[in-house]
Structures are given as structure tokens and as C-alpha cells.
Amino acid sequence: MKAIDKAITRAGTATRLAELLEVSAMTISHWRNRYQGVVPADRVLPIYSATGVTPHELRPDLYPNPTDGLPSQEASAK
């Protein structure tokens, strides 16, 4: 499962994730399909905040370590 699909599942629907991120549902669809699940770098942390899907799961190319991008309390707990 792609990380964007995991985020959609946690949000409930793609439409709900779009609402949480203040983007269109079509934008979410593009991330899933046109961009093969790769979300823009500036959306990684908002997706994490809304769904709990970690930056490492969403963009391992930008966040190579599992705790990268996590607030310090959460990073130390993992």
C-alpha cells in the first residue's frame, strides 16, 4: 500500500483528506495516480499532522530515517 493510500484510509476518504489539507479531491487523485503516490514536499508534514502517516513513509527520499520530520517527543518514543 502506498503511503498516500494509508493517509486516505486514516482520513476516511480521499475527499476528507483533501478537506483536511485544503486542496481539491482531484489533487489527491493526481498524487495517487499521476505521481505514483509521491506527494509534494510541502504537503508531507500537513499530511502527517492530519493522519499520522510519517514523513518517512510519505517521502523516504526526503526523510530517509524513520524518525525524520517527527516532533522530538514522538521521535524519541519510536
Protein backbone atom coordinates (compact mmCIF):
# COMPACT_ATOMS: atom_id res chain seq x y z
CA MET A 1 0.00 0.00 0.00
CA LYS A 2 1.30 3.43 -0.91
CA ALA A 3 1.66 5.89 1.95
CA ILE A 4 -0.88 8.23 0.32
CA ASP A 5 -3.39 5.37 0.35
CA LYS A 6 -2.67 4.85 4.04
CA ALA A 7 -3.30 8.56 4.65
CA ILE A 8 -6.58 8.37 2.73
CA THR A 9 -7.66 5.36 4.78
CA ARG A 10 -6.85 7.15 8.04
CA ALA A 11 -8.71 10.28 6.93
CA GLY A 12 -11.70 8.17 5.88
CA THR A 13 -11.89 9.16 2.23
CA ALA A 14 -9.82 10.98 -0.36
CA THR A 15 -12.35 13.80 -0.22
CA ARG A 16 -11.94 14.11 3.55
CA LEU A 17 -8.14 14.16 3.23
CA ALA A 18 -8.49 16.89 0.62
CA GLU A 19 -10.67 18.89 3.00
CA LEU A 20 -8.16 18.49 5.83
CA LEU A 21 -5.35 19.71 3.57
CA GLU A 22 -7.46 22.41 1.92
CA VAL A 23 -6.83 21.05 -1.57
CA SER A 24 -9.18 19.62 -4.17
CA ALA A 25 -10.06 15.94 -4.32
CA MET A 26 -8.55 15.99 -7.82
CA THR A 27 -5.21 16.99 -6.28
CA ILE A 28 -5.30 13.90 -4.08
CA SER A 29 -6.17 11.81 -7.13
CA HIS A 30 -3.19 13.24 -9.02
CA TRP A 31 -0.85 12.40 -6.15
CA ARG A 32 -2.15 8.82 -6.12
CA ASN A 33 -2.24 8.19 -9.84
CA ARG A 34 -0.32 10.68 -11.94
CA TYR A 35 2.58 10.98 -9.48
CA GLN A 36 2.54 7.32 -8.32
CA GLY A 37 1.81 8.26 -4.71
CA VAL A 38 4.54 10.89 -4.39
CA VAL A 39 3.21 13.92 -2.53
CA PRO A 40 4.79 17.38 -2.78
CA ALA A 41 7.40 18.11 -0.11
CA ASP A 42 5.36 20.98 1.32
CA ARG A 43 2.40 18.63 1.96
CA VAL A 44 4.29 15.92 3.86
CA LEU A 45 4.08 17.49 7.32
CA PRO A 46 0.42 18.58 6.97
CA ILE A 47 -0.48 15.02 5.93
CA TYR A 48 1.42 13.71 8.94
CA SER A 49 -0.42 16.14 11.23
CA ALA A 50 -3.80 15.16 9.80
CA THR A 51 -3.32 11.39 9.58
CA GLY A 52 -0.25 10.26 11.50
CA VAL A 53 1.37 8.79 8.37
CA THR A 54 5.01 9.60 8.97
CA PRO A 55 7.15 11.79 6.74
CA HIS A 56 9.45 8.78 6.21
CA GLU A 57 6.52 6.73 4.88
CA LEU A 58 5.34 9.55 2.62
CA ARG A 59 8.70 10.67 1.22
CA PRO A 60 11.61 8.40 2.18
CA ASP A 61 13.75 10.28 -0.35
CA LEU A 62 13.41 13.43 1.78
CA TYR A 63 13.09 11.77 5.19
CA PRO A 64 15.43 8.74 5.00
CA ASN A 65 15.28 7.82 8.70
CA PRO A 66 12.01 6.61 10.25
CA THR A 67 12.03 9.43 12.81
CA ASP A 68 12.98 12.25 10.42
CA GLY A 69 10.41 15.03 10.41
CA LEU A 70 8.72 13.88 13.61
CA PRO A 71 8.39 16.22 16.58
CA SER A 72 11.14 15.47 19.10
CA GLN A 73 8.82 13.78 21.64
CA GLU A 74 7.45 11.36 19.07
CA ALA A 75 10.85 10.69 17.55
CA SER A 76 12.29 9.66 20.91
CA ALA A 77 9.32 7.37 21.59
CA LYS A 78 9.75 5.40 18.34
